[in-house]
Amino acid sequence: MLLGLRTAIYPVGDLGAAKAWYSTVVGHAPYFDQPFYVGFDVGGFELGLVPDGTPGTAGPQPLWGVASATASLARLVELGAEVLDAVQEVGEGIRVAAVRDPFGNRLGIIENPHFKHA
């Protein structure tokens, strides 16, 4: 039934500011850019932004793969995010962390040596 993660959608109050911030975070412009939805291709998955809804840190908590949890967390903080969960080892070399983006959403990251990344 479920085939795997395809899209994680984040509600934001200022779509233009969020598009600019996430363009910096992911390293490129969105592939889909409309007033009702902005979508970024992130390693074959989609990070989406919608201008309605209520940002928050509760609810589903996707984790975006990174090469280094420590370096990625530092970069997110440098870009204006606030640490929610510092980098922690959760076993077998897997490290996770999370921030609150400047728009109020939880953005989780995971360094997992068992998954190959491009």
C-alpha atoms as a PDB file:
ATOM      1  CA  MET A   1       0.000   0.000   0.000  1.00  0.00           C
ATOM      2  CA  LEU A   2       2.529   2.667   1.055  1.00  0.00           C
ATOM      3  CA  LEU A   3       5.403   2.981  -1.402  1.00  0.00           C
ATOM      4  CA  GLY A   4       7.595   5.331   0.632  1.00  0.00           C
ATOM      5  CA  LEU A   5       7.965   9.023   1.381  1.00  0.00           C
ATOM      6  CA  ARG A   6       7.248  11.239  -1.610  1.00  0.00           C
ATOM      7  CA  THR A   7       6.387  14.669  -0.192  1.00  0.00           C
ATOM      8  CA  ALA A   8       6.573  16.551   3.097  1.00  0.00           C
ATOM      9  CA  ILE A   9       4.461  19.726   3.113  1.00  0.00           C
ATOM     10  CA  TYR A  10       5.133  22.700   5.377  1.00  0.00           C
ATOM     11  CA  PRO A  11       2.576  25.497   5.891  1.00  0.00           C
ATOM     12  CA  VAL A  12       4.065  28.997   5.971  1.00  0.00           C
ATOM     13  CA  GLY A  13       2.732  32.509   6.530  1.00  0.00           C
ATOM     14  CA  ASP A  14       5.042  34.210   4.020  1.00  0.00           C
ATOM     15  CA  LEU A  15       5.450  32.031   0.924  1.00  0.00           C
ATOM     16  CA  GLY A  16       8.040  34.345  -0.676  1.00  0.00           C
ATOM     17  CA  ALA A  17      10.265  34.410   2.400  1.00  0.00           C
ATOM     18  CA  ALA A  18       9.898  30.650   2.889  1.00  0.00           C
ATOM     19  CA  LYS A  19      10.735  29.987  -0.770  1.00  0.00           C
ATOM     20  CA  ALA A  20      13.907  32.083  -0.433  1.00  0.00           C
ATOM     21  CA  TRP A  21      14.939  30.417   2.850  1.00  0.00           C
ATOM     22  CA  TYR A  22      14.335  26.879   1.634  1.00  0.00           C
ATOM     23  CA  SER A  23      16.081  27.641  -1.684  1.00  0.00           C
ATOM     24  CA  THR A  24      19.170  28.407   0.399  1.00  0.00           C
ATOM     25  CA  VAL A  25      18.696  25.335   2.602  1.00  0.00           C
ATOM     26  CA  VAL A  26      18.295  22.869  -0.295  1.00  0.00           C
ATOM     27  CA  GLY A  27      20.778  24.681  -2.557  1.00  0.00           C
ATOM     28  CA  HIS A  28      18.534  25.370  -5.550  1.00  0.00           C
ATOM     29  CA  ALA A  29      15.320  27.004  -6.709  1.00  0.00           C
ATOM     30  CA  PRO A  30      11.990  25.150  -6.590  1.00  0.00           C
ATOM     31  CA  TYR A  31      10.952  23.079  -9.597  1.00  0.00           C
ATOM     32  CA  PHE A  32       7.290  24.057  -9.047  1.00  0.00           C
ATOM     33  CA  ASP A  33       6.487  27.637  -8.123  1.00  0.00           C
ATOM     34  CA  GLN A  34       2.883  28.809  -7.924  1.00  0.00           C
ATOM     35  CA  PRO A  35       1.026  31.152  -5.545  1.00  0.00           C
ATOM     36  CA  PHE A  36      -0.734  28.142  -3.969  1.00  0.00           C
ATOM     37  CA  TYR A  37       2.252  25.744  -3.699  1.00  0.00           C
ATOM     38  CA  VAL A  38       6.046  25.709  -4.015  1.00  0.00           C
ATOM     39  CA  GLY A  39       7.816  22.371  -4.487  1.00  0.00           C
ATOM     40  CA  PHE A  40      11.509  21.482  -4.234  1.00  0.00           C
ATOM     41  CA  ASP A  41      13.037  18.242  -5.498  1.00  0.00           C
ATOM     42  CA  VAL A  42      15.278  17.045  -2.671  1.00  0.00           C
ATOM     43  CA  GLY A  43      17.065  13.854  -3.612  1.00  0.00           C
ATOM     44  CA  GLY A  44      14.037  12.451  -5.428  1.00  0.00           C
ATOM     45  CA  PHE A  45      11.565  13.506  -2.722  1.00  0.00           C
ATOM     46  CA  GLU A  46       9.517  16.663  -2.508  1.00  0.00           C
ATOM     47  CA  LEU A  47       9.625  19.374   0.117  1.00  0.00           C
ATOM     48  CA  GLY A  48       6.484  21.440  -0.387  1.00  0.00           C
ATOM     49  CA  LEU A  49       5.408  24.828   0.948  1.00  0.00           C
ATOM     50  CA  VAL A  50       1.787  25.973   1.181  1.00  0.00           C
ATOM     51  CA  PRO A  51       0.659  29.492   2.102  1.00  0.00           C
ATOM     52  CA  ASP A  52      -2.237  28.379   4.279  1.00  0.00           C
ATOM     53  CA  GLY A  53      -2.546  26.219   7.334  1.00  0.00           C
ATOM     54  CA  THR A  54      -0.865  26.643  10.667  1.00  0.00           C
ATOM     55  CA  PRO A  55       2.872  26.050  11.071  1.00  0.00           C
ATOM     56  CA  GLY A  56       3.853  23.900  14.021  1.00  0.00           C
ATOM     57  CA  THR A  57       6.218  21.346  15.475  1.00  0.00           C
ATOM     58  CA  ALA A  58       3.692  18.649  16.426  1.00  0.00           C
ATOM     59  CA  GLY A  59       2.279  15.994  14.127  1.00  0.00           C
ATOM     60  CA  PRO A  60       4.213  13.915  11.593  1.00  0.00           C
ATOM     61  CA  GLN A  61       7.941  14.453  11.764  1.00  0.00           C
ATOM     62  CA  PRO A  62       9.762  13.576   8.533  1.00  0.00           C
ATOM     63  CA  LEU A  63      13.548  13.454   8.702  1.00  0.00           C
ATOM     64  CA  TRP A  64      15.552  14.714   5.728  1.00  0.00           C
ATOM     65  CA  GLY A  65      18.788  12.872   4.995  1.00  0.00           C
ATOM     66  CA  VAL A  66      22.059  14.752   5.401  1.00  0.00           C
ATOM     67  CA  ALA A  67      25.714  13.753   5.069  1.00  0.00           C
ATOM     68  CA  SER A  68      26.608  15.257   8.457  1.00  0.00           C
ATOM     69  CA  ALA A  69      24.025  15.981  11.152  1.00  0.00           C
ATOM     70  CA  THR A  70      26.448  18.232  13.029  1.00  0.00           C
ATOM     71  CA  ALA A  71      27.379  20.374  10.010  1.00  0.00           C
ATOM     72  CA  SER A  72      23.793  20.515   8.747  1.00  0.00           C
ATOM     73  CA  LEU A  73      22.409  21.563  12.124  1.00  0.00           C
ATOM     74  CA  ALA A  74      25.032  24.320  12.366  1.00  0.00           C
ATOM     75  CA  ARG A  75      24.137  25.553   8.859  1.00  0.00           C
ATOM     76  CA  LEU A  76      20.396  25.599   9.628  1.00  0.00           C
ATOM     77  CA  VAL A  77      21.018  27.624  12.791  1.00  0.00           C
ATOM     78  CA  GLU A  78      23.281  29.982  10.824  1.00  0.00           C
ATOM     79  CA  LEU A  79      20.353  30.522   8.421  1.00  0.00           C
ATOM     80  CA  GLY A  80      18.007  31.483  11.244  1.00  0.00           C
ATOM     81  CA  ALA A  81      16.528  28.207  12.487  1.00  0.00           C
ATOM     82  CA  GLU A  82      16.207  27.444  16.212  1.00  0.00           C
ATOM     83  CA  VAL A  83      17.408  24.129  17.648  1.00  0.00           C
ATOM     84  CA  LEU A  84      14.579  21.919  18.918  1.00  0.00           C
ATOM     85  CA  ASP A  85      16.618  18.728  19.333  1.00  0.00           C
ATOM     86  CA  ALA A  86      20.420  18.784  19.351  1.00  0.00           C
ATOM     87  CA  VAL A  87      22.276  16.098  17.415  1.00  0.00           C
ATOM     88  CA  GLN A  88      21.957  12.778  19.157  1.00  0.00           C
ATOM     89  CA  GLU A  89      23.182   9.286  18.352  1.00  0.00           C
ATOM     90  CA  VAL A  90      20.209   6.920  18.279  1.00  0.00           C
ATOM     91  CA  GLY A  91      22.159   3.719  17.651  1.00  0.00           C
ATOM     92  CA  GLU A  92      24.169   1.980  14.939  1.00  0.00           C
ATOM     93  CA  GLY A  93      25.800   5.213  13.776  1.00  0.00           C
ATOM     94  CA  ILE A  94      22.501   6.989  13.096  1.00  0.00           C
ATOM     95  CA  ARG A  95      22.355  10.629  14.221  1.00  0.00           C
ATOM     96  CA  VAL A  96      19.268  12.855  14.277  1.00  0.00           C
ATOM     97  CA  ALA A  97      18.419  16.478  15.092  1.00  0.00           C
ATOM     98  CA  ALA A  98      15.604  18.964  14.516  1.00  0.00           C
ATOM     99  CA  VAL A  99      15.090  22.704  14.220  1.00  0.00           C
ATOM    100  CA  ARG A 100      12.163  25.101  14.134  1.00  0.00           C
ATOM    101  CA  ASP A 101      12.396  26.861  10.769  1.00  0.00           C
ATOM    102  CA  PRO A 102      11.883  30.646  10.682  1.00  0.00           C
ATOM    103  CA  PHE A 103       8.206  30.003   9.845  1.00  0.00           C
ATOM    104  CA  GLY A 104       7.417  27.865  12.912  1.00  0.00           C
ATOM    105  CA  ASN A 105       7.696  24.344  11.470  1.00  0.00           C
ATOM    106  CA  ARG A 106       9.755  21.422  12.697  1.00  0.00           C
ATOM    107  CA  LEU A 107      12.466  20.415  10.203  1.00  0.00           C
ATOM    108  CA  GLY A 108      14.119  17.123  11.123  1.00  0.00           C
ATOM    109  CA  ILE A 109      17.411  15.794   9.763  1.00  0.00           C
ATOM    110  CA  ILE A 110      19.016  12.359   9.850  1.00  0.00           C
ATOM    111  CA  GLU A 111      22.522  11.123   9.149  1.00  0.00           C
ATOM    112  CA  ASN A 112      22.142   7.414   8.449  1.00  0.00           C
ATOM    113  CA  PRO A 113      25.253   5.546   7.272  1.00  0.00           C
ATOM    114  CA  HIS A 114      23.055   2.579   6.323  1.00  0.00           C
ATOM    115  CA  PHE A 115      21.343   4.598   3.536  1.00  0.00           C
ATOM    116  CA  LYS A 116      23.428   5.636   0.572  1.00  0.00           C
ATOM    117  CA  HIS A 117      23.004   9.244  -0.520  1.00  0.00           C
ATOM    118  CA  ALA A 118      23.872  10.950  -3.767  1.00  0.00           C
END
